[in-house]
Amino acid sequence: MIQRSGTDAERDLMTSLRGFQLHSEVNLFGNLQASGLVKIRFASWRCKVLDTYDWNYNEYFTVPNPDFGSVASNAVQPKEQSLRVYHINAKRLEDAGLAALYVIESNLWSIADNALLTSENVNPNKKLS
């Protein structure tokens, strides 16, 4: 689990994104073959990532506890290696005007891996279940 064993950068990214949507724009060409199959080939395949970052007050993320093993009187849960940080804490930031929902959208990038862009023959009469 990245939240517990990833690098600092991986944990930062996971905490920021938690999940996201991958959108694809795909253009294909199809040529009818003498066999009755259709040869499909990719003209282009581009993708982008989208995410709306807002707070779900019922969710939390897990972070390493900087006070683990501490004997300081003000240590937070010193016997716990990790802590759950609940999103409900973010409501105070929103109410103070210090945080807000935002949408992030990456630039489009092209898929260029030939292993993914191969041509293939498909049966146009095959029922998909």
C-alpha atoms as a PDB file:
ATOM      1  CA  MET A   1       0.000   0.000   0.000  1.00  0.00           C
ATOM      2  CA  ILE A   2       1.566   3.276  -1.152  1.00  0.00           C
ATOM      3  CA  GLN A   3       0.213   5.186   1.848  1.00  0.00           C
ATOM      4  CA  ARG A   4       2.234   3.041   4.236  1.00  0.00           C
ATOM      5  CA  SER A   5       5.264   1.860   2.313  1.00  0.00           C
ATOM      6  CA  GLY A   6       5.721   4.227  -0.643  1.00  0.00           C
ATOM      7  CA  THR A   7       8.291   6.967  -0.997  1.00  0.00           C
ATOM      8  CA  ASP A   8       7.473  10.477   0.204  1.00  0.00           C
ATOM      9  CA  ALA A   9       6.729  11.534  -3.378  1.00  0.00           C
ATOM     10  CA  GLU A  10       4.442   8.525  -3.954  1.00  0.00           C
ATOM     11  CA  ARG A  11       2.555   9.233  -0.733  1.00  0.00           C
ATOM     12  CA  ASP A  12       2.156  12.902  -1.674  1.00  0.00           C
ATOM     13  CA  LEU A  13       0.760  11.951  -5.076  1.00  0.00           C
ATOM     14  CA  MET A  14      -1.552   9.286  -3.622  1.00  0.00           C
ATOM     15  CA  THR A  15      -2.853  11.699  -0.984  1.00  0.00           C
ATOM     16  CA  SER A  16      -3.486  14.326  -3.642  1.00  0.00           C
ATOM     17  CA  LEU A  17      -5.175  12.151  -6.246  1.00  0.00           C
ATOM     18  CA  ARG A  18      -6.560   9.115  -4.379  1.00  0.00           C
ATOM     19  CA  GLY A  19      -8.334   8.265  -7.614  1.00  0.00           C
ATOM     20  CA  PHE A  20      -8.826   9.838 -11.005  1.00  0.00           C
ATOM     21  CA  GLN A  21     -10.472   9.325 -14.371  1.00  0.00           C
ATOM     22  CA  LEU A  22      -8.624   8.356 -17.524  1.00  0.00           C
ATOM     23  CA  HIS A  23     -10.279   9.644 -20.699  1.00  0.00           C
ATOM     24  CA  SER A  24      -9.313   8.344 -24.125  1.00  0.00           C
ATOM     25  CA  GLU A  25      -9.887   9.658 -27.635  1.00  0.00           C
ATOM     26  CA  VAL A  26      -9.470   6.777 -30.089  1.00  0.00           C
ATOM     27  CA  ASN A  27      -9.765   6.873 -33.891  1.00  0.00           C
ATOM     28  CA  LEU A  28      -9.834   3.564 -35.761  1.00  0.00           C
ATOM     29  CA  PHE A  29      -9.959   2.512 -39.390  1.00  0.00           C
ATOM     30  CA  GLY A  30     -11.598  -0.695 -40.498  1.00  0.00           C
ATOM     31  CA  ASN A  31     -11.145  -2.511 -43.831  1.00  0.00           C
ATOM     32  CA  LEU A  32     -13.356  -5.413 -44.834  1.00  0.00           C
ATOM     33  CA  GLN A  33     -11.211  -8.432 -45.710  1.00  0.00           C
ATOM     34  CA  ALA A  34     -12.101 -11.130 -48.281  1.00  0.00           C
ATOM     35  CA  SER A  35     -12.602 -13.514 -45.334  1.00  0.00           C
ATOM     36  CA  GLY A  36     -15.454 -11.363 -44.032  1.00  0.00           C
ATOM     37  CA  LEU A  37     -13.390 -10.181 -41.087  1.00  0.00           C
ATOM     38  CA  VAL A  38     -12.656  -6.498 -40.595  1.00  0.00           C
ATOM     39  CA  LYS A  39      -9.034  -5.443 -40.132  1.00  0.00           C
ATOM     40  CA  ILE A  40      -8.958  -2.722 -37.465  1.00  0.00           C
ATOM     41  CA  ARG A  41      -6.030  -0.336 -37.154  1.00  0.00           C
ATOM     42  CA  PHE A  42      -5.456   2.625 -34.880  1.00  0.00           C
ATOM     43  CA  ALA A  43      -5.275   6.042 -36.516  1.00  0.00           C
ATOM     44  CA  SER A  44      -4.693   7.749 -33.166  1.00  0.00           C
ATOM     45  CA  TRP A  45      -5.089   7.143 -29.466  1.00  0.00           C
ATOM     46  CA  ARG A  46      -4.774  10.025 -27.021  1.00  0.00           C
ATOM     47  CA  CYS A  47      -5.447  10.147 -23.298  1.00  0.00           C
ATOM     48  CA  LYS A  48      -5.793  12.624 -20.470  1.00  0.00           C
ATOM     49  CA  VAL A  49      -6.334  12.423 -16.725  1.00  0.00           C
ATOM     50  CA  LEU A  50      -9.155  14.263 -14.982  1.00  0.00           C
ATOM     51  CA  ASP A  51      -9.930  14.643 -11.317  1.00  0.00           C
ATOM     52  CA  THR A  52     -12.205  16.762  -9.183  1.00  0.00           C
ATOM     53  CA  TYR A  53     -10.663  17.236  -5.799  1.00  0.00           C
ATOM     54  CA  ASP A  54     -13.209  17.789  -3.125  1.00  0.00           C
ATOM     55  CA  TRP A  55     -13.721  16.533   0.378  1.00  0.00           C
ATOM     56  CA  ASN A  56     -15.799  13.492   1.227  1.00  0.00           C
ATOM     57  CA  TYR A  57     -16.214  13.991   4.947  1.00  0.00           C
ATOM     58  CA  ASN A  58     -16.635  10.236   5.511  1.00  0.00           C
ATOM     59  CA  GLU A  59     -13.212   9.377   4.021  1.00  0.00           C
ATOM     60  CA  TYR A  60      -9.714   9.475   5.441  1.00  0.00           C
ATOM     61  CA  PHE A  61      -6.158   8.808   4.391  1.00  0.00           C
ATOM     62  CA  THR A  62      -3.418   7.131   6.383  1.00  0.00           C
ATOM     63  CA  VAL A  63      -0.123   8.883   7.075  1.00  0.00           C
ATOM     64  CA  PRO A  64       3.016   7.905   8.991  1.00  0.00           C
ATOM     65  CA  ASN A  65       2.872   9.127  12.595  1.00  0.00           C
ATOM     66  CA  PRO A  66       5.742  11.558  13.231  1.00  0.00           C
ATOM     67  CA  ASP A  67       5.198  11.041  16.988  1.00  0.00           C
ATOM     68  CA  PHE A  68       5.579   7.254  16.882  1.00  0.00           C
ATOM     69  CA  GLY A  69       7.759   6.166  19.799  1.00  0.00           C
ATOM     70  CA  SER A  70       7.853   9.672  21.284  1.00  0.00           C
ATOM     71  CA  VAL A  71       7.720  10.171  25.046  1.00  0.00           C
ATOM     72  CA  ALA A  72       6.850  13.876  24.772  1.00  0.00           C
ATOM     73  CA  SER A  73       3.781  14.904  26.775  1.00  0.00           C
ATOM     74  CA  ASN A  74       2.167  16.469  23.693  1.00  0.00           C
ATOM     75  CA  ALA A  75       2.815  13.466  21.383  1.00  0.00           C
ATOM     76  CA  VAL A  76      -0.166  12.325  19.318  1.00  0.00           C
ATOM     77  CA  GLN A  77      -0.829   8.574  19.554  1.00  0.00           C
ATOM     78  CA  PRO A  78       2.863   7.707  20.178  1.00  0.00           C
ATOM     79  CA  LYS A  79       2.142   3.940  20.173  1.00  0.00           C
ATOM     80  CA  GLU A  80       0.675   4.044  16.638  1.00  0.00           C
ATOM     81  CA  GLN A  81       2.976   3.880  13.571  1.00  0.00           C
ATOM     82  CA  SER A  82       0.350   5.538  11.393  1.00  0.00           C
ATOM     83  CA  LEU A  83      -2.613   7.872  11.821  1.00  0.00           C
ATOM     84  CA  ARG A  84      -5.907   8.288  10.017  1.00  0.00           C
ATOM     85  CA  VAL A  85      -6.564  11.847   8.922  1.00  0.00           C
ATOM     86  CA  TYR A  86     -10.274  12.293   8.295  1.00  0.00           C
ATOM     87  CA  HIS A  87     -11.484  14.673   5.613  1.00  0.00           C
ATOM     88  CA  ILE A  88     -13.940  16.192   8.095  1.00  0.00           C
ATOM     89  CA  ASN A  89     -10.939  18.176   9.368  1.00  0.00           C
ATOM     90  CA  ALA A  90     -10.832  19.928   5.988  1.00  0.00           C
ATOM     91  CA  LYS A  91     -14.272  21.455   6.600  1.00  0.00           C
ATOM     92  CA  ARG A  92     -12.697  23.914   9.012  1.00  0.00           C
ATOM     93  CA  LEU A  93     -10.301  25.014   6.242  1.00  0.00           C
ATOM     94  CA  GLU A  94     -13.170  25.375   3.753  1.00  0.00           C
ATOM     95  CA  ASP A  95     -15.261  27.324   6.244  1.00  0.00           C
ATOM     96  CA  ALA A  96     -12.306  29.673   6.815  1.00  0.00           C
ATOM     97  CA  GLY A  97     -11.889  30.186   3.044  1.00  0.00           C
ATOM     98  CA  LEU A  98      -8.505  28.421   3.055  1.00  0.00           C
ATOM     99  CA  ALA A  99      -9.500  25.435   0.895  1.00  0.00           C
ATOM    100  CA  ALA A 100     -11.938  24.785  -1.934  1.00  0.00           C
ATOM    101  CA  LEU A 101     -12.928  22.212  -4.540  1.00  0.00           C
ATOM    102  CA  TYR A 102     -10.794  22.239  -7.667  1.00  0.00           C
ATOM    103  CA  VAL A 103     -10.664  20.392 -10.964  1.00  0.00           C
ATOM    104  CA  ILE A 104      -7.424  19.176 -12.500  1.00  0.00           C
ATOM    105  CA  GLU A 105      -7.025  18.108 -16.124  1.00  0.00           C
ATOM    106  CA  SER A 106      -3.790  16.973 -17.730  1.00  0.00           C
ATOM    107  CA  ASN A 107      -2.704  17.729 -21.266  1.00  0.00           C
ATOM    108  CA  LEU A 108      -3.513  15.069 -23.827  1.00  0.00           C
ATOM    109  CA  TRP A 109      -0.727  12.613 -24.592  1.00  0.00           C
ATOM    110  CA  SER A 110      -0.467  10.160 -27.452  1.00  0.00           C
ATOM    111  CA  ILE A 111      -0.148   6.425 -26.994  1.00  0.00           C
ATOM    112  CA  ALA A 112       2.871   5.389 -29.055  1.00  0.00           C
ATOM    113  CA  ASP A 113       3.545   1.818 -27.881  1.00  0.00           C
ATOM    114  CA  ASN A 114       3.381  -0.386 -30.992  1.00  0.00           C
ATOM    115  CA  ALA A 115       2.377  -3.357 -28.837  1.00  0.00           C
ATOM    116  CA  LEU A 116      -0.881  -1.503 -28.077  1.00  0.00           C
ATOM    117  CA  LEU A 117      -1.405  -0.097 -31.569  1.00  0.00           C
ATOM    118  CA  THR A 118      -1.249  -3.330 -33.572  1.00  0.00           C
ATOM    119  CA  SER A 119      -3.755  -4.126 -36.306  1.00  0.00           C
ATOM    120  CA  GLU A 120      -6.170  -6.945 -35.637  1.00  0.00           C
ATOM    121  CA  ASN A 121      -8.880  -8.821 -37.520  1.00  0.00           C
ATOM    122  CA  VAL A 122     -12.286  -8.874 -35.858  1.00  0.00           C
ATOM    123  CA  ASN A 123     -15.519 -10.663 -36.662  1.00  0.00           C
ATOM    124  CA  PRO A 124     -18.227  -7.985 -37.127  1.00  0.00           C
ATOM    125  CA  ASN A 125     -20.953 -10.615 -36.721  1.00  0.00           C
ATOM    126  CA  LYS A 126     -19.820 -11.910 -33.346  1.00  0.00           C
ATOM    127  CA  LYS A 127     -22.296 -11.115 -30.589  1.00  0.00           C
ATOM    128  CA  LEU A 128     -20.760  -9.440 -27.591  1.00  0.00           C
ATOM    129  CA  SER A 129     -22.139 -10.493 -24.275  1.00  0.00           C
END
